Amino acid sequence: MKIKQIITDYQYGKFWEETTHMAEELQDCMNIVNVYPEVTYQKMRGFGGAFTEASAHNYARMSEENRKELIEAYFGEGGLRYNLGRIHMNSCDFGLGNYTYIEEGDTELCSFSIDHDREEILPLIHDAKEKCDGEMQFLLSPWSPPAFMKTNGEMNHGGKLKKEYYSLWAAYFARFIKEYEKAGVPIGYLTVQNEPEAVQTWDSCVYTAEEESLFVRDYLGPELEKEGLSHVNIFVWDHNKESAYSRFRDTIADEVTRKIVKGAAVHWYTGDHFESIEMVRKQYPDKEVFFTEGCVEYSRFADSDEVQKAEMYAHDILGNLNAGISASFDWNLILDEKGGPNHVGNFCAAPIMCNVEADSYEKRLTYYYIGHFSRYIKPNAVRIGTTRYTDQIEATAFLNPDGERVLVLLNKTEKEVPVTVKEAGCGMKTVVAPHSIQTICY
């Protein structure tokens, strides 16, 4: 049995590999992590991040040499091998200000143009697509409709979509998707609204479950079908996991809506709640769950060190995978030294931080921890069964399309943990160091 271990050295932030040939019979049953490839769960679509205006603006201001390195770092064979991307329709908080694709008050979409995105966002997306080994898939999410369509008359501070503009907003979705397709960026997935229960100081819009269901059933679904866009998969919720099950249940309670909606999208900002994902998958086995956003917020975790931040990522990814997600999107790809730009000062961390004035960038430890999943769990890999002897180790395993097994082990404790990986009576022994992560491929 040929075994390759990928270990992140948290002190130096790098991957290193050790290949061994071990196929010993295991006589004891201590320290076991079992792998059962015949026990299968969800299929993975892949991993990715968000092409925010902030990321694109930072990228555009870097030198050509560094831009090439940044694209390789995320989308190349030697990097994280991302194959997914999230795109915001209209502005979000991580941008230079509020914007839409029409002139204010245009109820016919006569002025619709994505020229704003052609300046910096689309060039970043095209560079990523060119580097990606395989076809990239994209998900779009709106933060707010244009101000005139909303009850509060502005894009920020919540408000609701006015009922008289449900049809226009659905047509706006279809127009955006078609314009992006013309620009060479096919959209395969969308969420109805980013964080539909959050009234934010930035771009936001509130929907109840009933309102989101009605919009999908009577407007968005029919509009996409009419415009030949029925291949675009509609996801709902796109908010925190603690309410994912109940909100999804209520949104698709209507039989017609349930047929249209393909799945639920979740964020991580209110804690683990992995059970919510499990319940959605158990109660609605024909639906998928995507993890669509998570980041280290400076407003909450400014004092955490790089190891803590990286372990937040790995713990959440492991828990989400084991609960049943089939796609994982990180938030911003590239932020500046302040954690932006962000037009309302809502600064955060990203796996790669840059200093545009110095034309430099740094891969944070979170980058390497994400890589333990995204580099080795390939598109169309299937999660497989595992058991572990202790809660001091977190584990998940996947079977790649070529038959390779991928086992990820996380140790957040202060002491080393011995592990004997076992499949069908054969395996290997290893030690997972304190505060470290290992990926074993065989």
Protein backbone atom coordinates (compact mmCIF):
# COMPACT_ATOMS: atom_id res chain seq x y z
CA MET A 1 0.00 0.00 0.00
CA LYS A 2 1.56 3.28 -1.12
CA ILE A 3 0.81 6.02 1.36
CA LYS A 4 1.47 9.74 1.03
CA GLN A 5 1.22 11.98 4.07
CA ILE A 6 0.73 15.72 3.62
CA ILE A 7 1.52 17.65 6.76
CA THR A 8 1.29 21.37 7.43
CA ASP A 9 4.09 22.79 9.54
CA TYR A 10 2.21 25.53 11.37
CA GLN A 11 5.40 27.31 12.35
CA TYR A 12 6.63 27.80 8.80
CA GLY A 13 3.40 27.60 6.82
CA LYS A 14 4.21 25.10 4.11
CA PHE A 15 3.22 21.70 2.86
CA TRP A 16 5.64 18.81 3.01
CA GLU A 17 5.09 15.25 1.89
CA GLU A 18 6.34 11.89 3.07
CA THR A 19 5.72 8.77 1.01
CA THR A 20 5.96 5.32 2.56
CA HIS A 21 5.19 1.77 1.53
CA MET A 22 3.51 0.06 4.45
CA ALA A 23 1.03 -2.80 4.40
CA GLU A 24 1.39 -4.46 7.77
CA GLU A 25 -1.25 -6.61 9.41
CA LEU A 26 -2.57 -4.90 12.51
CA GLN A 27 -2.73 -7.13 15.53
CA ASP A 28 -4.02 -4.60 18.03
CA CYS A 29 -7.14 -2.42 18.11
CA MET A 30 -5.73 0.62 19.90
CA ASN A 31 -5.53 4.13 18.42
CA ILE A 32 -7.57 3.11 15.40
CA VAL A 33 -9.10 5.34 12.74
CA ASN A 34 -11.04 3.03 10.42
CA VAL A 35 -11.75 3.80 6.78
CA TYR A 36 -14.65 2.10 4.99
CA PRO A 37 -14.74 2.95 1.25
CA GLU A 38 -17.85 0.83 0.69
CA VAL A 39 -19.86 3.13 3.01
CA THR A 40 -20.63 6.16 0.87
CA TYR A 41 -22.32 9.51 1.41
CA GLN A 42 -22.45 12.74 -0.64
CA LYS A 43 -20.48 13.55 -3.78
CA MET A 44 -18.31 16.69 -3.72
CA ARG A 45 -18.55 19.38 -6.37
CA GLY A 46 -15.42 21.10 -5.11
CA PHE A 47 -13.93 24.04 -3.25
CA GLY A 48 -13.59 27.73 -4.01
CA GLY A 49 -13.83 31.34 -2.89
CA ALA A 50 -15.58 34.63 -3.65
CA PHE A 51 -14.64 37.00 -6.47
CA THR A 52 -15.56 40.11 -4.51
CA GLU A 53 -14.90 43.61 -5.79
CA ALA A 54 -12.43 43.97 -2.90
CA SER A 55 -10.45 40.94 -4.06
CA ALA A 56 -10.55 42.07 -7.69
CA HIS A 57 -9.46 45.62 -6.79
CA ASN A 58 -6.49 44.35 -4.79
CA TYR A 59 -5.57 41.91 -7.55
CA ALA A 60 -5.68 44.60 -10.24
CA ARG A 61 -3.26 46.80 -8.30
CA MET A 62 -0.60 44.10 -7.96
CA SER A 63 2.27 43.63 -10.41
CA GLU A 64 1.82 41.19 -13.29
CA GLU A 65 4.29 38.79 -11.67
CA ASN A 66 2.38 38.74 -8.39
CA ARG A 67 -0.96 38.41 -10.16
CA LYS A 68 0.30 35.26 -11.85
CA GLU A 69 1.52 33.91 -8.51
CA LEU A 70 -1.81 34.69 -6.82
CA ILE A 71 -3.78 32.89 -9.53
CA GLU A 72 -1.48 29.89 -9.28
CA ALA A 73 -1.82 29.94 -5.49
CA TYR A 74 -5.59 29.54 -5.65
CA PHE A 75 -6.40 27.84 -8.94
CA GLY A 76 -3.21 26.15 -10.14
CA GLU A 77 -1.99 22.60 -9.70
CA GLY A 78 0.60 23.81 -7.21
CA GLY A 79 -1.96 25.81 -5.21
CA LEU A 80 -5.36 25.16 -3.66
CA ARG A 81 -6.82 23.82 -6.94
CA TYR A 82 -10.07 25.75 -6.52
CA ASN A 83 -12.77 24.95 -9.08
CA LEU A 84 -15.67 26.99 -7.65
CA GLY A 85 -16.33 30.72 -7.48
CA ARG A 86 -18.98 32.92 -5.85
CA ILE A 87 -20.00 36.16 -7.57
CA HIS A 88 -22.03 38.97 -6.02
CA MET A 89 -24.75 40.52 -8.21
CA ASN A 90 -24.74 44.25 -7.41
CA SER A 91 -22.46 45.47 -4.65
CA CYS A 92 -21.68 43.81 -1.34
CA ASP A 93 -19.89 45.10 1.75
CA PHE A 94 -16.51 44.05 0.35
CA GLY A 95 -16.39 46.67 -2.35
CA LEU A 96 -15.70 50.31 -2.96
CA GLY A 97 -19.32 51.43 -2.55
CA ASN A 98 -22.91 50.69 -3.50
CA TYR A 99 -23.61 50.00 -7.16
CA THR A 100 -26.10 48.24 -9.46
CA TYR A 101 -26.19 47.45 -13.18
CA ILE A 102 -29.01 49.85 -14.05
CA GLU A 103 -29.79 53.51 -13.63
CA GLU A 104 -31.96 54.31 -10.62
CA GLY A 105 -35.64 54.02 -11.50
CA ASP A 106 -35.14 51.98 -14.69
CA THR A 107 -38.14 49.61 -14.58
CA GLU A 108 -37.51 48.28 -18.10
CA LEU A 109 -33.83 47.33 -17.59
CA CYS A 110 -33.02 49.49 -20.62
CA SER A 111 -29.79 50.73 -19.03
CA PHE A 112 -28.63 47.28 -17.85
CA SER A 113 -24.86 46.88 -18.24
CA ILE A 114 -22.14 44.85 -16.53
CA ASP A 115 -19.44 47.32 -17.61
CA HIS A 116 -18.64 47.92 -13.93
CA ASP A 117 -17.53 44.29 -13.60
CA ARG A 118 -15.49 44.38 -16.81
CA GLU A 119 -12.99 46.73 -15.18
CA GLU A 120 -11.64 44.47 -12.42
CA ILE A 121 -13.96 41.59 -11.45
CA LEU A 122 -14.25 39.83 -14.80
CA PRO A 123 -10.49 39.98 -15.53
CA LEU A 124 -9.83 38.19 -12.22
CA ILE A 125 -12.47 35.57 -13.02
CA HIS A 126 -11.05 34.99 -16.51
CA ASP A 127 -7.52 34.58 -15.15
CA ALA A 128 -8.82 32.03 -12.65
CA LYS A 129 -10.74 30.12 -15.33
CA GLU A 130 -7.68 29.97 -17.55
CA LYS A 131 -5.55 28.52 -14.76
CA CYS A 132 -8.12 26.07 -13.39
CA ASP A 133 -7.52 22.46 -14.41
CA GLY A 134 -11.05 21.65 -15.50
CA GLU A 135 -14.29 23.58 -15.81
CA MET A 136 -14.99 26.15 -13.12
CA GLN A 137 -18.50 26.44 -11.72
CA PHE A 138 -19.97 29.71 -10.48
CA LEU A 139 -22.63 30.67 -7.96
CA LEU A 140 -24.19 34.14 -7.88
CA SER A 141 -25.66 35.84 -4.82
CA PRO A 142 -27.27 39.28 -4.46
CA TRP A 143 -26.85 41.41 -1.34
CA SER A 144 -29.49 43.99 -2.31
CA PRO A 145 -31.74 44.99 -5.19
CA PRO A 146 -31.49 48.60 -6.46
CA ALA A 147 -32.69 51.14 -3.91
CA PHE A 148 -35.90 52.08 -5.74
CA MET A 149 -37.10 48.46 -5.59
CA LYS A 150 -36.94 48.38 -1.77
CA THR A 151 -39.22 49.48 1.02
CA ASN A 152 -36.52 51.55 2.75
CA GLY A 153 -35.35 53.27 -0.44
CA GLU A 154 -31.69 52.34 -0.03
CA MET A 155 -29.41 49.36 -0.64
CA ASN A 156 -28.08 49.29 2.94
CA HIS A 157 -29.82 48.74 6.29
CA GLY A 158 -32.13 45.90 5.28
CA GLY A 159 -35.53 46.77 3.93
CA LYS A 160 -37.61 44.46 1.77
CA LEU A 161 -38.14 43.95 -1.95
CA LYS A 162 -41.40 45.71 -2.85
CA LYS A 163 -44.06 43.29 -4.10
CA GLU A 164 -44.58 45.31 -7.27
CA TYR A 165 -40.93 44.68 -8.19
CA TYR A 166 -40.82 40.89 -7.72
CA SER A 167 -41.18 40.36 -11.47
CA LEU A 168 -38.58 43.00 -12.35
CA TRP A 169 -36.07 41.61 -9.86
CA ALA A 170 -36.51 38.11 -11.32
CA ALA A 171 -35.89 39.52 -14.79
CA TYR A 172 -32.78 41.26 -13.39
CA PHE A 173 -31.42 37.85 -12.31
CA ALA A 174 -31.97 36.42 -15.78
CA ARG A 175 -30.40 39.43 -17.49
CA PHE A 176 -27.31 39.27 -15.27
CA ILE A 177 -26.85 35.55 -15.93
CA LYS A 178 -27.16 36.06 -19.69
CA GLU A 179 -24.72 38.97 -19.70
CA TYR A 180 -22.19 36.95 -17.72
CA GLU A 181 -22.64 34.03 -20.11
CA LYS A 182 -21.88 36.40 -23.01
CA ALA A 183 -18.76 37.47 -21.10
CA GLY A 184 -17.63 33.84 -20.91
CA VAL A 185 -18.68 33.12 -17.32
CA PRO A 186 -21.50 30.55 -17.12
CA ILE A 187 -23.55 30.63 -13.92
CA GLY A 188 -24.62 27.21 -12.68
CA TYR A 189 -26.02 28.10 -9.27
CA LEU A 190 -27.63 31.03 -7.51
CA THR A 191 -28.92 31.93 -4.09
CA VAL A 192 -32.01 34.11 -3.80
CA GLN A 193 -30.54 36.46 -1.19
CA ASN A 194 -27.40 36.67 0.91
CA GLU A 195 -28.35 36.51 4.60
CA PRO A 196 -32.08 37.21 4.22
CA GLU A 197 -32.66 37.66 7.97
CA ALA A 198 -29.85 40.19 8.53
CA VAL A 199 -30.39 43.95 8.65
CA GLN A 200 -26.84 45.12 8.03
CA THR A 201 -25.21 48.55 7.85
CA TRP A 202 -24.14 47.41 4.36
CA ASP A 203 -26.02 46.03 1.35
CA SER A 204 -28.85 43.82 2.66
CA CYS A 205 -32.46 42.82 2.05
CA VAL A 206 -34.85 40.87 4.27
CA TYR A 207 -37.12 38.00 3.26
CA THR A 208 -39.30 35.76 5.40
CA ALA A 209 -39.42 32.08 4.46
CA GLU A 210 -42.83 32.64 2.90
CA GLU A 211 -41.60 35.62 0.87
CA GLU A 212 -38.55 33.73 -0.39
CA SER A 213 -40.78 30.78 -1.33
CA LEU A 214 -43.24 33.02 -3.16
CA PHE A 215 -40.48 34.81 -5.08
CA VAL A 216 -38.97 31.49 -6.21
CA ARG A 217 -42.29 29.85 -7.06
CA ASP A 218 -44.10 32.63 -8.91
CA TYR A 219 -41.29 34.80 -10.26
CA LEU A 220 -37.67 33.58 -10.28
CA GLY A 221 -38.29 29.95 -11.24
CA PRO A 222 -40.71 30.78 -14.09
CA GLU A 223 -38.48 33.63 -15.33
CA LEU A 224 -35.40 31.41 -15.58
CA GLU A 225 -37.40 28.77 -17.42
CA LYS A 226 -38.87 31.36 -19.82
CA GLU A 227 -35.39 32.71 -20.58
CA GLY A 228 -33.88 29.28 -21.24
CA LEU A 229 -31.99 29.29 -17.93
CA SER A 230 -33.60 26.31 -16.22
CA HIS A 231 -30.13 24.75 -15.92
CA VAL A 232 -29.30 27.30 -13.20
CA ASN A 233 -29.85 25.64 -9.83
CA ILE A 234 -31.68 27.74 -7.22
CA PHE A 235 -30.56 27.54 -3.58
CA VAL A 236 -32.29 29.26 -0.67
CA TRP A 237 -31.39 30.58 2.79
CA ASP A 238 -27.68 31.46 2.29
CA HIS A 239 -27.38 32.34 5.96
CA ASN A 240 -26.18 30.85 9.24
CA LYS A 241 -26.44 27.18 10.08
CA GLU A 242 -28.33 27.51 13.35
CA SER A 243 -31.59 28.13 11.48
CA ALA A 244 -30.80 26.21 8.31
CA TYR A 245 -33.11 23.27 8.84
CA SER A 246 -36.20 25.15 10.03
CA ARG A 247 -35.82 27.90 7.44
CA PHE A 248 -35.31 25.42 4.61
CA ARG A 249 -38.28 23.35 5.79
CA ASP A 250 -40.53 26.39 5.84
CA THR A 251 -39.30 27.81 2.54
CA ILE A 252 -39.93 24.63 0.57
CA ALA A 253 -43.14 23.67 2.37
CA ASP A 254 -44.96 24.66 -0.81
CA GLU A 255 -44.91 21.70 -3.23
CA VAL A 256 -44.16 23.79 -6.31
CA THR A 257 -41.33 25.67 -4.60
CA ARG A 258 -39.87 22.38 -3.42
CA LYS A 259 -39.64 21.12 -7.00
CA ILE A 260 -37.82 24.28 -8.11
CA VAL A 261 -35.34 24.62 -5.23
CA LYS A 262 -32.24 22.42 -5.50
CA GLY A 263 -30.78 22.98 -2.06
CA ALA A 264 -29.83 25.10 0.93
CA ALA A 265 -26.81 27.39 1.35
CA VAL A 266 -25.24 28.02 4.77
CA HIS A 267 -22.72 30.28 6.56
CA TRP A 268 -20.78 29.70 9.79
CA TYR A 269 -21.10 32.91 11.82
CA THR A 270 -23.25 31.55 14.66
CA GLY A 271 -21.29 28.41 15.50
CA ASP A 272 -21.05 24.78 14.40
CA HIS A 273 -24.66 23.56 14.12
CA PHE A 274 -23.50 20.71 11.89
CA GLU A 275 -26.65 18.85 12.88
CA SER A 276 -28.72 21.35 10.87
CA ILE A 277 -26.95 20.22 7.71
CA GLU A 278 -27.47 16.58 8.66
CA MET A 279 -31.19 17.15 9.18
CA VAL A 280 -31.61 18.86 5.81
CA ARG A 281 -29.84 15.98 4.09
CA LYS A 282 -31.81 13.35 5.98
CA GLN A 283 -35.23 14.93 5.54
CA TYR A 284 -34.63 16.03 1.94
CA PRO A 285 -32.18 13.53 0.41
CA ASP A 286 -32.82 14.89 -3.09
CA LYS A 287 -31.48 18.33 -2.07
CA GLU A 288 -27.89 19.52 -1.67
CA VAL A 289 -26.30 21.77 0.95
CA PHE A 290 -23.55 24.21 -0.04
CA PHE A 291 -21.34 26.04 2.43
CA THR A 292 -21.19 29.46 0.76
CA GLU A 293 -19.40 31.82 3.16
CA GLY A 294 -17.15 31.96 6.19
CA CYS A 295 -14.26 34.16 7.29
CA VAL A 296 -12.44 35.37 10.40
CA GLU A 297 -14.14 38.62 11.36
CA TYR A 298 -11.86 41.24 12.89
CA SER A 299 -14.77 42.55 14.95
CA ARG A 300 -14.98 39.21 16.80
CA PHE A 301 -11.60 37.46 16.46
CA ALA A 302 -9.04 40.26 16.21
CA ASP A 303 -7.00 38.81 19.08
CA SER A 304 -6.90 35.20 17.84
CA ASP A 305 -3.54 33.92 16.61
CA GLU A 306 -2.92 32.30 13.23
CA VAL A 307 -3.16 28.76 14.59
CA GLN A 308 -6.57 29.47 16.12
CA LYS A 309 -7.80 31.00 12.88
CA ALA A 310 -6.56 28.05 10.83
CA GLU A 311 -8.14 25.57 13.23
CA MET A 312 -11.45 27.44 13.00
CA TYR A 313 -11.37 26.80 9.26
CA ALA A 314 -10.35 23.15 9.46
CA HIS A 315 -12.84 22.31 12.21
CA ASP A 316 -15.68 23.91 10.28
CA ILE A 317 -14.76 22.31 6.97
CA LEU A 318 -14.48 18.88 8.63
CA GLY A 319 -17.79 19.27 10.40
CA ASN A 320 -19.55 20.52 7.27
CA LEU A 321 -18.18 17.70 5.14
CA ASN A 322 -19.15 15.05 7.66
CA ALA A 323 -22.62 16.58 7.94
CA GLY A 324 -23.18 16.38 4.19
CA ILE A 325 -22.20 19.52 2.27
CA SER A 326 -21.28 19.01 -1.38
CA ALA A 327 -19.51 22.33 -2.07
CA SER A 328 -17.41 24.67 0.08
CA PHE A 329 -16.88 28.36 -0.74
CA ASP A 330 -14.54 30.53 1.32
CA TRP A 331 -15.21 34.28 1.39
CA ASN A 332 -12.75 36.88 -0.05
CA LEU A 333 -9.82 35.57 -2.06
CA ILE A 334 -7.45 38.51 -1.46
CA LEU A 335 -7.71 41.33 1.09
CA ASP A 336 -5.37 44.20 1.83
CA GLU A 337 -3.42 44.79 5.03
CA LYS A 338 -6.48 46.38 6.68
CA GLY A 339 -8.76 43.48 5.77
CA GLY A 340 -10.53 45.27 2.93
CA PRO A 341 -11.38 47.37 1.06
CA ASN A 342 -14.84 47.42 2.62
CA HIS A 343 -17.15 50.38 2.15
CA VAL A 344 -18.58 50.18 5.69
CA GLY A 345 -15.43 49.20 7.60
CA ASN A 346 -16.49 45.57 8.11
CA PHE A 347 -12.91 44.28 7.87
CA CYS A 348 -12.00 40.58 7.86
CA ALA A 349 -9.10 38.22 7.26
CA ALA A 350 -8.52 36.18 4.11
CA PRO A 351 -6.24 33.23 3.37
CA ILE A 352 -4.04 35.56 1.32
CA MET A 353 -3.43 39.12 2.50
CA CYS A 354 -1.63 41.69 0.39
CA ASN A 355 0.01 45.08 0.63
CA VAL A 356 -0.66 46.79 -2.67
CA GLU A 357 1.67 49.72 -1.94
CA ALA A 358 4.59 47.38 -1.34
CA ASP A 359 3.41 44.97 -4.06
CA SER A 360 3.65 42.05 -1.67
CA TYR A 361 1.39 39.34 -0.31
CA GLU A 362 1.36 36.71 2.43
CA LYS A 363 -0.25 33.29 2.55
CA ARG A 364 -1.74 32.93 6.01
CA LEU A 365 -1.87 29.59 7.84
CA THR A 366 -5.56 29.28 6.94
CA TYR A 367 -4.46 28.98 3.31
CA TYR A 368 -2.47 25.84 4.08
CA TYR A 369 -5.19 24.31 6.24
CA ILE A 370 -7.76 24.79 3.46
CA GLY A 371 -5.31 23.09 1.11
CA HIS A 372 -5.48 19.87 3.10
CA PHE A 373 -9.01 19.53 1.74
CA SER A 374 -9.12 21.40 -1.58
CA ARG A 375 -5.85 20.05 -2.99
CA TYR A 376 -6.63 16.38 -2.47
CA ILE A 377 -10.42 15.92 -2.38
CA LYS A 378 -11.16 16.07 -6.11
CA PRO A 379 -14.38 17.07 -7.85
CA ASN A 380 -16.83 14.13 -7.82
CA ALA A 381 -15.06 12.51 -4.86
CA VAL A 382 -17.46 10.66 -2.56
CA ARG A 383 -17.31 10.89 1.21
CA ILE A 384 -16.75 7.49 2.79
CA GLY A 385 -17.18 5.98 6.22
CA THR A 386 -14.76 6.50 9.11
CA THR A 387 -14.65 5.74 12.81
CA ARG A 388 -12.14 7.10 15.34
CA TYR A 389 -11.07 6.04 18.78
CA THR A 390 -10.94 9.50 20.38
CA ASP A 391 -12.50 12.94 20.09
CA GLN A 392 -8.98 14.39 20.28
CA ILE A 393 -8.82 13.71 16.55
CA GLU A 394 -11.28 15.07 13.98
CA ALA A 395 -11.41 13.06 10.76
CA THR A 396 -13.06 12.86 7.37
CA ALA A 397 -12.35 10.64 4.37
CA PHE A 398 -13.16 10.68 0.65
CA LEU A 399 -12.83 8.31 -2.28
CA ASN A 400 -11.56 10.12 -5.37
CA PRO A 401 -12.83 9.16 -8.83
CA ASP A 402 -9.51 7.40 -9.56
CA GLY A 403 -9.89 5.17 -6.47
CA GLU A 404 -7.48 7.11 -4.24
CA ARG A 405 -8.48 7.43 -0.59
CA VAL A 406 -8.03 10.80 1.13
CA LEU A 407 -8.09 10.95 4.93
CA VAL A 408 -7.80 14.31 6.75
CA LEU A 409 -6.89 14.34 10.45
CA LEU A 410 -7.01 17.42 12.68
CA ASN A 411 -5.51 17.68 16.18
CA LYS A 412 -6.45 20.87 18.05
CA THR A 413 -5.12 19.65 21.39
CA GLU A 414 -1.89 20.47 23.23
CA LYS A 415 -0.49 16.93 22.97
CA GLU A 416 0.43 14.56 20.17
CA VAL A 417 -2.11 11.89 19.32
CA PRO A 418 -1.08 8.46 17.96
CA VAL A 419 -3.21 7.11 15.12
CA THR A 420 -3.32 3.78 13.34
CA VAL A 421 -5.13 4.16 10.04
CA LYS A 422 -6.84 0.90 9.15
CA GLU A 423 -8.67 -0.39 6.09
CA ALA A 424 -9.46 -4.08 5.53
CA GLY A 425 -6.84 -5.21 8.04
CA CYS A 426 -3.99 -3.18 6.52
CA GLY A 427 -2.74 0.27 7.25
CA MET A 428 -0.15 2.52 8.83
CA LYS A 429 0.79 4.13 12.09
CA THR A 430 1.38 7.85 12.47
CA VAL A 431 1.46 10.54 15.12
CA VAL A 432 -0.54 13.74 14.71
CA ALA A 433 1.43 16.53 16.37
CA PRO A 434 -0.19 19.09 18.68
CA HIS A 435 -2.14 21.78 16.80
CA SER A 436 -1.54 20.22 13.41
CA ILE A 437 -3.35 18.78 10.43
CA GLN A 438 -2.46 15.81 8.25
CA THR A 439 -3.81 14.48 4.98
CA ILE A 440 -3.08 10.86 4.11
CA CYS A 441 -3.60 9.68 0.53
CA TYR A 442 -3.34 6.05 -0.55
